[in-house]
Every structure is written in structure tokens, then in C-alpha cells.
Amino acid sequence: MYQHILVPVDGSDTSRHGLEEAIRLARLTQGRLRLIHVIDELSMSMAVSASAGFTAEWLDGLRESGEKVLADAKAVVCNAGLEVDGRVHDNFSGPLDVIVAAEARGWPAELIVLGTHGRRGIGRLMMGSGAENILRSAPVPVLLVRTPEPKAGARP
């Protein structure tokens, strides 16, 4: 069970925690991982609004950054001795959750693993929840890995 594990990655600490858990699970099941990095409409609109007029340059930068995130994550998985492949989605075929669900169907994945901040209340309303949207639209089970809370007195 869980021979094909899909892991969305974005280079954040939250994403890294999800990847670490996916690696642990793949070792137990002798599974393989597929990593994806998504440049969705939200990423692009934030980049465009930050520097109107340089859309092509920003898209190239987002693609380059996405390829680096993917390469770094693949190296972690390879160092763990697991099979891995990956791809950057940059065709703007919908929001993050739609792209992740389509990738899960097309591969086909048996599980999606991703990190989450675990925001609640106003934080969730203000920032949204990609993990929640993926959970709602996923065609397979989703394992959400919550980022550990900072220790009392620790600097952010």
C-alpha cells in the first residue's frame, strides 16, 4: 500500500516537513515519490503585481526557482535511497489544488503528503489554506504534516 506517493514541494520549512514524512513512509512501504512544484495563477499574479511590465522575466525567474526547489528536494530523496521523479507545473491550468488533484489522478498516486502550517481562525481566513483545498479535492488519501510549533521563548 502507498507505493506511489505524491509530494507537492515549495522550498519552505513546512514543505520540508511534509517531504521528510513522505520519505519515512516510502521507506516503510518501499514506495516511490513523485515531487511536484506548482507555479499557479496566484504565484504568477503576485509576481506580476510586484513588478508590472516584466512578466516574461518574472515567469522565467519563477520557473528557475521552481526547478531549483525540485532539484533540491529530489536530492534529499535520492540521498535517502528512494526512487523519485518530479516536475514543475507552470501551465496555469488552475489553482494549486486542481493541479495537485490532476497529477494524483494521472500518475496515479495512492497518497498525497504535504506540510501544513495548521493555521486556524483569522490566520486561515487571511492566508487561505492550500492544504485544506487539496484535502477537499484530492482523489486519494491526503496525509497533512503539521509544522512543529516553536518552543516557548524561541525566536521565530
N, C-alpha and C. Protein backbone atom coordinates (compact mmCIF):
# COMPACT_ATOMS: atom_id res chain seq x y z
N MET A 1 0.84 -1.19 0.00
CA MET A 1 0.00 0.00 0.00
C MET A 1 0.88 1.24 0.00
N TYR A 2 0.41 2.27 -0.64
CA TYR A 2 1.12 3.55 -0.78
C TYR A 2 2.46 3.38 -1.46
N GLN A 3 2.43 2.77 -2.63
CA GLN A 3 3.63 2.62 -3.44
C GLN A 3 3.95 3.87 -4.25
N HIS A 4 2.94 4.70 -4.50
CA HIS A 4 3.10 5.92 -5.28
C HIS A 4 2.64 7.10 -4.42
N ILE A 5 3.61 7.87 -3.95
CA ILE A 5 3.33 8.96 -3.02
C ILE A 5 3.66 10.29 -3.70
N LEU A 6 2.66 11.14 -3.82
CA LEU A 6 2.80 12.45 -4.45
C LEU A 6 3.09 13.48 -3.37
N VAL A 7 4.12 14.31 -3.61
CA VAL A 7 4.52 15.30 -2.61
C VAL A 7 4.69 16.66 -3.28
N PRO A 8 3.75 17.59 -3.06
CA PRO A 8 3.96 18.95 -3.54
C PRO A 8 5.05 19.62 -2.70
N VAL A 9 5.99 20.31 -3.36
CA VAL A 9 7.08 20.98 -2.65
C VAL A 9 7.17 22.43 -3.10
N ASP A 10 7.50 23.30 -2.15
CA ASP A 10 7.67 24.71 -2.49
C ASP A 10 8.93 25.33 -1.88
N GLY A 11 9.76 24.51 -1.24
CA GLY A 11 11.01 25.01 -0.68
C GLY A 11 10.90 25.57 0.73
N SER A 12 9.71 25.62 1.28
CA SER A 12 9.52 26.17 2.63
C SER A 12 9.84 25.11 3.69
N ASP A 13 10.01 25.56 4.93
CA ASP A 13 10.20 24.61 6.03
C ASP A 13 8.99 23.69 6.17
N THR A 14 7.81 24.25 5.95
CA THR A 14 6.59 23.45 6.03
C THR A 14 6.61 22.33 4.99
N SER A 15 7.00 22.66 3.79
CA SER A 15 7.11 21.67 2.72
C SER A 15 8.17 20.63 3.06
N ARG A 16 9.28 21.07 3.64
CA ARG A 16 10.36 20.14 4.02
C ARG A 16 9.86 19.12 5.04
N HIS A 17 9.04 19.56 5.99
CA HIS A 17 8.49 18.62 6.98
C HIS A 17 7.61 17.57 6.30
N GLY A 18 6.81 18.00 5.33
CA GLY A 18 5.99 17.05 4.58
C GLY A 18 6.84 16.06 3.80
N LEU A 19 7.92 16.56 3.18
CA LEU A 19 8.82 15.69 2.42
C LEU A 19 9.50 14.67 3.33
N GLU A 20 9.94 15.11 4.49
CA GLU A 20 10.58 14.18 5.44
C GLU A 20 9.63 13.06 5.85
N GLU A 21 8.38 13.38 6.07
CA GLU A 21 7.40 12.34 6.44
C GLU A 21 7.13 11.42 5.26
N ALA A 22 7.06 11.97 4.06
CA ALA A 22 6.86 11.14 2.87
C ALA A 22 8.02 10.16 2.69
N ILE A 23 9.23 10.62 2.97
CA ILE A 23 10.40 9.74 2.88
C ILE A 23 10.30 8.61 3.90
N ARG A 24 9.92 8.95 5.13
CA ARG A 24 9.76 7.90 6.16
C ARG A 24 8.72 6.86 5.72
N LEU A 25 7.62 7.33 5.19
CA LEU A 25 6.56 6.43 4.76
C LEU A 25 7.01 5.57 3.58
N ALA A 26 7.68 6.18 2.61
CA ALA A 26 8.15 5.44 1.43
C ALA A 26 9.17 4.37 1.82
N ARG A 27 9.97 4.64 2.83
CA ARG A 27 10.91 3.62 3.31
C ARG A 27 10.15 2.42 3.89
N LEU A 28 9.09 2.70 4.60
CA LEU A 28 8.29 1.62 5.21
C LEU A 28 7.57 0.79 4.16
N THR A 29 7.09 1.44 3.11
CA THR A 29 6.28 0.74 2.11
C THR A 29 7.08 0.34 0.87
N GLN A 30 8.36 0.72 0.86
CA GLN A 30 9.20 0.50 -0.31
C GLN A 30 8.58 1.16 -1.54
N GLY A 31 8.04 2.34 -1.30
CA GLY A 31 7.38 3.09 -2.37
C GLY A 31 8.30 4.06 -3.05
N ARG A 32 7.74 4.76 -4.01
CA ARG A 32 8.49 5.80 -4.72
C ARG A 32 7.74 7.12 -4.60
N LEU A 33 8.47 8.20 -4.76
CA LEU A 33 7.89 9.54 -4.62
C LEU A 33 7.86 10.25 -5.97
N ARG A 34 6.84 11.01 -6.17
CA ARG A 34 6.79 11.99 -7.25
C ARG A 34 6.64 13.35 -6.60
N LEU A 35 7.58 14.22 -6.90
CA LEU A 35 7.56 15.58 -6.36
C LEU A 35 7.04 16.53 -7.43
N ILE A 36 6.22 17.47 -7.01
CA ILE A 36 5.77 18.49 -7.95
C ILE A 36 5.91 19.86 -7.31
N HIS A 37 6.28 20.80 -8.14
CA HIS A 37 6.30 22.20 -7.73
C HIS A 37 5.34 22.92 -8.68
N VAL A 38 4.41 23.68 -8.12
CA VAL A 38 3.37 24.31 -8.92
C VAL A 38 3.56 25.82 -8.94
N ILE A 39 3.67 26.35 -10.15
CA ILE A 39 3.59 27.80 -10.35
C ILE A 39 2.17 28.04 -10.83
N ASP A 40 1.33 28.46 -9.91
CA ASP A 40 -0.08 28.61 -10.26
C ASP A 40 -0.40 30.07 -10.53
N GLU A 41 -1.66 30.33 -10.79
CA GLU A 41 -2.10 31.68 -11.11
C GLU A 41 -1.81 32.66 -9.98
N LEU A 42 -1.95 32.20 -8.75
CA LEU A 42 -1.69 33.08 -7.61
C LEU A 42 -0.22 33.48 -7.56
N SER A 43 0.69 32.52 -7.74
CA SER A 43 2.12 32.83 -7.76
C SER A 43 2.44 33.85 -8.84
N MET A 44 1.90 33.61 -10.02
CA MET A 44 2.18 34.50 -11.14
C MET A 44 1.59 35.88 -10.91
N SER A 45 0.37 35.96 -10.41
CA SER A 45 -0.25 37.27 -10.20
C SER A 45 0.50 38.07 -9.15
N MET A 46 1.02 37.39 -8.12
CA MET A 46 1.81 38.09 -7.11
C MET A 46 3.11 38.60 -7.72
N ALA A 47 3.72 37.82 -8.59
CA ALA A 47 4.96 38.23 -9.23
C ALA A 47 4.71 39.40 -10.18
N VAL A 48 3.64 39.33 -10.95
CA VAL A 48 3.34 40.38 -11.91
C VAL A 48 3.02 41.68 -11.20
N SER A 49 2.23 41.61 -10.13
CA SER A 49 1.87 42.84 -9.42
C SER A 49 3.08 43.45 -8.73
N ALA A 50 4.07 42.64 -8.40
CA ALA A 50 5.28 43.15 -7.75
C ALA A 50 6.14 43.93 -8.73
N SER A 51 6.06 43.62 -10.01
CA SER A 51 6.88 44.34 -11.00
C SER A 51 6.16 44.37 -12.34
N ALA A 52 5.13 45.16 -12.41
CA ALA A 52 4.34 45.27 -13.63
C ALA A 52 5.26 45.61 -14.80
N GLY A 53 5.01 44.94 -15.92
CA GLY A 53 5.78 45.20 -17.12
C GLY A 53 6.91 44.22 -17.38
N PHE A 54 7.24 43.37 -16.43
CA PHE A 54 8.33 42.42 -16.60
C PHE A 54 7.82 40.99 -16.47
N THR A 55 6.66 40.71 -17.00
CA THR A 55 6.02 39.42 -16.82
C THR A 55 6.87 38.26 -17.30
N ALA A 56 7.46 38.36 -18.49
CA ALA A 56 8.26 37.26 -19.03
C ALA A 56 9.47 36.99 -18.13
N GLU A 57 10.12 38.04 -17.65
CA GLU A 57 11.26 37.86 -16.76
C GLU A 57 10.84 37.20 -15.46
N TRP A 58 9.70 37.60 -14.91
CA TRP A 58 9.24 37.00 -13.67
C TRP A 58 8.88 35.53 -13.86
N LEU A 59 8.25 35.22 -14.98
CA LEU A 59 7.89 33.82 -15.23
C LEU A 59 9.16 32.98 -15.35
N ASP A 60 10.16 33.49 -16.07
CA ASP A 60 11.43 32.76 -16.16
C ASP A 60 12.04 32.58 -14.78
N GLY A 61 11.99 33.61 -13.95
CA GLY A 61 12.52 33.52 -12.58
C GLY A 61 11.76 32.52 -11.74
N LEU A 62 10.43 32.50 -11.86
CA LEU A 62 9.62 31.53 -11.13
C LEU A 62 9.93 30.11 -11.58
N ARG A 63 10.10 29.93 -12.87
CA ARG A 63 10.45 28.60 -13.39
C ARG A 63 11.82 28.15 -12.88
N GLU A 64 12.78 29.05 -12.94
CA GLU A 64 14.13 28.73 -12.47
C GLU A 64 14.12 28.39 -10.99
N SER A 65 13.41 29.18 -10.23
CA SER A 65 13.29 28.92 -8.79
C SER A 65 12.60 27.59 -8.53
N GLY A 66 11.54 27.31 -9.28
CA GLY A 66 10.82 26.04 -9.13
C GLY A 66 11.69 24.85 -9.46
N GLU A 67 12.50 24.96 -10.50
CA GLU A 67 13.42 23.87 -10.87
C GLU A 67 14.44 23.63 -9.76
N LYS A 68 14.91 24.72 -9.13
CA LYS A 68 15.88 24.57 -8.03
C LYS A 68 15.22 23.92 -6.81
N VAL A 69 14.02 24.34 -6.47
CA VAL A 69 13.29 23.73 -5.37
C VAL A 69 13.13 22.24 -5.62
N LEU A 70 12.74 21.90 -6.83
CA LEU A 70 12.53 20.50 -7.19
C LEU A 70 13.84 19.71 -7.14
N ALA A 71 14.91 20.27 -7.68
CA ALA A 71 16.21 19.59 -7.67
C ALA A 71 16.70 19.36 -6.25
N ASP A 72 16.54 20.36 -5.39
CA ASP A 72 16.97 20.22 -4.00
C ASP A 72 16.18 19.12 -3.29
N ALA A 73 14.87 19.10 -3.50
CA ALA A 73 14.02 18.09 -2.87
C ALA A 73 14.33 16.69 -3.41
N LYS A 74 14.57 16.59 -4.71
CA LYS A 74 14.92 15.29 -5.30
C LYS A 74 16.24 14.78 -4.74
N ALA A 75 17.19 15.69 -4.50
CA ALA A 75 18.48 15.28 -3.92
C ALA A 75 18.28 14.69 -2.53
N VAL A 76 17.39 15.28 -1.74
CA VAL A 76 17.10 14.76 -0.40
C VAL A 76 16.55 13.34 -0.49
N VAL A 77 15.63 13.12 -1.42
CA VAL A 77 15.03 11.80 -1.59
C VAL A 77 16.07 10.80 -2.09
N CYS A 78 16.87 11.20 -3.06
CA CYS A 78 17.92 10.31 -3.58
C CYS A 78 18.91 9.93 -2.48
N ASN A 79 19.27 10.90 -1.64
CA ASN A 79 20.18 10.63 -0.53
C ASN A 79 19.58 9.64 0.47
N ALA A 80 18.26 9.58 0.49
CA ALA A 80 17.58 8.61 1.36
C ALA A 80 17.48 7.24 0.70
N GLY A 81 17.97 7.13 -0.54
CA GLY A 81 17.98 5.84 -1.23
C GLY A 81 16.65 5.44 -1.85
N LEU A 82 15.81 6.41 -2.14
CA LEU A 82 14.49 6.11 -2.70
C LEU A 82 14.38 6.53 -4.15
N GLU A 83 13.45 5.90 -4.86
CA GLU A 83 13.15 6.29 -6.23
C GLU A 83 12.32 7.57 -6.22
N VAL A 84 12.65 8.48 -7.12
CA VAL A 84 11.94 9.76 -7.17
C VAL A 84 11.96 10.30 -8.59
N ASP A 85 10.89 10.97 -8.94
CA ASP A 85 10.87 11.80 -10.14
C ASP A 85 10.10 13.05 -9.78
N GLY A 86 10.06 13.98 -10.69
CA GLY A 86 9.37 15.21 -10.38
C GLY A 86 9.21 16.10 -11.58
N ARG A 87 8.38 17.12 -11.39
CA ARG A 87 8.16 18.08 -12.45
C ARG A 87 7.63 19.38 -11.91
N VAL A 88 7.88 20.42 -12.68
CA VAL A 88 7.35 21.74 -12.38
C VAL A 88 6.11 21.94 -13.25
N HIS A 89 5.03 22.33 -12.63
CA HIS A 89 3.79 22.65 -13.36
C HIS A 89 3.74 24.17 -13.51
N ASP A 90 3.78 24.64 -14.73
CA ASP A 90 3.76 26.08 -14.96
C ASP A 90 2.83 26.47 -16.11
N ASN A 91 1.81 25.66 -16.34
CA ASN A 91 0.92 25.92 -17.46
C ASN A 91 -0.36 26.65 -17.04
N PHE A 92 -0.46 27.03 -15.79
CA PHE A 92 -1.59 27.81 -15.28
C PHE A 92 -2.93 27.18 -15.61
N SER A 93 -3.00 25.86 -15.41
CA SER A 93 -4.23 25.14 -15.73
C SER A 93 -5.22 25.13 -14.57
N GLY A 94 -5.00 25.99 -13.60
CA GLY A 94 -5.92 26.10 -12.49
C GLY A 94 -5.18 26.37 -11.20
N PRO A 95 -5.92 26.47 -10.11
CA PRO A 95 -5.30 26.69 -8.81
C PRO A 95 -4.55 25.45 -8.32
N LEU A 96 -3.75 25.63 -7.32
CA LEU A 96 -2.90 24.59 -6.76
C LEU A 96 -3.64 23.27 -6.53
N ASP A 97 -4.77 23.33 -5.88
CA ASP A 97 -5.48 22.09 -5.54
C ASP A 97 -5.95 21.34 -6.77
N VAL A 98 -6.35 22.03 -7.81
CA VAL A 98 -6.80 21.39 -9.04
C VAL A 98 -5.62 20.71 -9.74
N ILE A 99 -4.47 21.37 -9.75
CA ILE A 99 -3.28 20.81 -10.39
C ILE A 99 -2.79 19.58 -9.63
N VAL A 100 -2.78 19.66 -8.30
CA VAL A 100 -2.34 18.51 -7.49
C VAL A 100 -3.29 17.33 -7.69
N ALA A 101 -4.59 17.59 -7.70
CA ALA A 101 -5.56 16.51 -7.91
C ALA A 101 -5.39 15.88 -9.29
N ALA A 102 -5.15 16.69 -10.30
CA ALA A 102 -4.96 16.15 -11.66
C ALA A 102 -3.69 15.31 -11.73
N GLU A 103 -2.63 15.76 -11.09
CA GLU A 103 -1.38 14.99 -11.07
C GLU A 103 -1.59 13.66 -10.34
N ALA A 104 -2.33 13.69 -9.24
CA ALA A 104 -2.60 12.47 -8.48
C ALA A 104 -3.37 11.46 -9.33
N ARG A 105 -4.34 11.94 -10.10
CA ARG A 105 -5.11 11.05 -10.97
C ARG A 105 -4.26 10.50 -12.11
N GLY A 106 -3.47 11.36 -12.71
CA GLY A 106 -2.72 10.99 -13.90
C GLY A 106 -1.53 10.09 -13.65
N TRP A 107 -0.95 10.13 -12.47
CA TRP A 107 0.28 9.36 -12.23
C TRP A 107 0.04 7.88 -12.21
N PRO A 108 -0.73 7.22 -11.49
CA PRO A 108 -1.67 7.60 -10.43
C PRO A 108 -1.06 7.45 -9.04
N ALA A 109 -1.28 8.45 -8.21
CA ALA A 109 -0.82 8.43 -6.82
C ALA A 109 -1.79 7.61 -5.97
N GLU A 110 -1.26 7.07 -4.89
CA GLU A 110 -2.09 6.37 -3.91
C GLU A 110 -2.22 7.17 -2.63
N LEU A 111 -1.37 8.21 -2.50
CA LEU A 111 -1.37 9.06 -1.32
C LEU A 111 -0.72 10.38 -1.69
N ILE A 112 -1.21 11.47 -1.11
CA ILE A 112 -0.59 12.79 -1.22
C ILE A 112 -0.10 13.16 0.17
N VAL A 113 1.14 13.59 0.27
CA VAL A 113 1.70 14.03 1.55
C VAL A 113 2.15 15.48 1.41
N LEU A 114 1.69 16.34 2.32
CA LEU A 114 2.14 17.71 2.27
C LEU A 114 2.17 18.34 3.64
N GLY A 115 3.07 19.28 3.78
CA GLY A 115 3.18 20.02 5.02
C GLY A 115 2.10 21.08 5.10
N THR A 116 1.75 21.44 6.32
CA THR A 116 0.76 22.49 6.55
C THR A 116 1.15 23.29 7.78
N HIS A 117 0.78 24.56 7.76
CA HIS A 117 1.02 25.42 8.92
C HIS A 117 0.02 25.12 10.04
N GLY A 118 -1.12 24.60 9.67
CA GLY A 118 -2.15 24.33 10.66
C GLY A 118 -2.80 25.61 11.16
N ARG A 119 -2.88 26.61 10.28
CA ARG A 119 -3.49 27.89 10.69
C ARG A 119 -4.96 27.68 11.03
N ARG A 120 -5.40 28.50 11.96
CA ARG A 120 -6.81 28.48 12.36
C ARG A 120 -7.30 29.92 12.42
N GLY A 121 -8.58 30.05 12.52
CA GLY A 121 -9.19 31.35 12.76
C GLY A 121 -8.82 32.38 11.71
N ILE A 122 -8.48 33.58 12.16
CA ILE A 122 -8.24 34.71 11.27
C ILE A 122 -7.02 34.46 10.39
N GLY A 123 -6.01 33.76 10.90
CA GLY A 123 -4.83 33.45 10.09
C GLY A 123 -5.17 32.63 8.86
N ARG A 124 -6.08 31.66 9.05
CA ARG A 124 -6.51 30.84 7.93
C ARG A 124 -7.36 31.66 6.96
N LEU A 125 -8.21 32.51 7.50
CA LEU A 125 -9.05 33.33 6.63
C LEU A 125 -8.22 34.31 5.81
N MET A 126 -7.19 34.88 6.42
CA MET A 126 -6.36 35.87 5.74
C MET A 126 -5.41 35.21 4.73
N MET A 127 -4.80 34.11 5.10
CA MET A 127 -3.78 33.48 4.26
C MET A 127 -4.35 32.39 3.36
N GLY A 128 -5.54 31.93 3.65
CA GLY A 128 -6.09 30.81 2.89
C GLY A 128 -5.44 29.51 3.35
N SER A 129 -5.86 28.44 2.78
CA SER A 129 -5.28 27.16 3.15
C SER A 129 -5.19 26.28 1.92
N GLY A 130 -3.99 26.27 1.31
CA GLY A 130 -3.77 25.38 0.17
C GLY A 130 -3.97 23.94 0.56
N ALA A 131 -3.49 23.59 1.76
CA ALA A 131 -3.63 22.20 2.23
C ALA A 131 -5.10 21.82 2.36
N GLU A 132 -5.90 22.71 2.89
CA GLU A 132 -7.33 22.42 3.04
C GLU A 132 -7.99 22.22 1.68
N ASN A 133 -7.63 23.05 0.72
CA ASN A 133 -8.21 22.91 -0.62
C ASN A 133 -7.78 21.61 -1.28
N ILE A 134 -6.50 21.23 -1.11
CA ILE A 134 -6.03 19.96 -1.65
C ILE A 134 -6.78 18.81 -1.00
N LEU A 135 -6.94 18.88 0.31
CA LEU A 135 -7.65 17.83 1.05
C LEU A 135 -9.07 17.65 0.50
N ARG A 136 -9.72 18.75 0.19
CA ARG A 136 -11.11 18.68 -0.30
C ARG A 136 -11.22 18.12 -1.71
N SER A 137 -10.22 18.39 -2.55
CA SER A 137 -10.35 18.00 -3.96
C SER A 137 -9.55 16.75 -4.34
N ALA A 138 -8.78 16.21 -3.41
CA ALA A 138 -7.90 15.08 -3.71
C ALA A 138 -8.70 13.81 -4.01
N PRO A 139 -8.27 13.07 -5.04
CA PRO A 139 -8.94 11.81 -5.37
C PRO A 139 -8.39 10.63 -4.57
N VAL A 140 -7.39 10.87 -3.74
CA VAL A 140 -6.75 9.82 -2.93
C VAL A 140 -6.57 10.36 -1.51
N PRO A 141 -6.23 9.50 -0.55
CA PRO A 141 -6.00 9.98 0.80
C PRO A 141 -4.88 11.03 0.85
N VAL A 142 -4.99 11.94 1.81
CA VAL A 142 -4.01 13.00 2.00
C VAL A 142 -3.49 12.94 3.43
N LEU A 143 -2.18 12.94 3.57
CA LEU A 143 -1.55 13.00 4.87
C LEU A 143 -1.01 14.41 5.06
N LEU A 144 -1.61 15.15 6.00
CA LEU A 144 -1.16 16.51 6.31
C LEU A 144 -0.15 16.44 7.45
N VAL A 145 1.00 17.04 7.25
CA VAL A 145 2.07 17.05 8.25
C VAL A 145 2.19 18.46 8.77
N ARG A 146 1.80 18.64 10.01
CA ARG A 146 1.80 19.98 10.59
C ARG A 146 3.21 20.38 11.02
N THR A 147 3.57 21.61 10.71
CA THR A 147 4.86 22.15 11.12
C THR A 147 4.86 22.26 12.64
N PRO A 148 5.95 21.82 13.28
CA PRO A 148 6.01 21.92 14.75
C PRO A 148 5.91 23.37 15.22
N GLU A 149 5.24 23.54 16.35
CA GLU A 149 5.15 24.86 16.97
C GLU A 149 6.51 25.25 17.51
N PRO A 150 6.87 26.56 17.43
CA PRO A 150 8.13 26.98 18.03
C PRO A 150 8.09 26.76 19.54
N LYS A 151 9.24 26.42 20.11
CA LYS A 151 9.31 26.24 21.56
C LYS A 151 9.16 27.57 22.26
N ALA A 152 8.59 27.54 23.45
CA ALA A 152 8.40 28.76 24.22
C ALA A 152 9.73 29.48 24.39
N GLY A 153 9.73 30.76 24.11
CA GLY A 153 10.94 31.56 24.28
C GLY A 153 11.87 31.52 23.09
N ALA A 154 11.56 30.68 22.10
CA ALA A 154 12.44 30.59 20.92
C ALA A 154 12.13 31.74 19.98
N ARG A 155 13.16 32.22 19.31
CA ARG A 155 12.96 33.28 18.34
C ARG A 155 12.36 32.70 17.07
N PRO A 156 11.47 33.48 16.41
CA PRO A 156 10.85 32.98 15.17
C PRO A 156 11.88 32.85 14.06
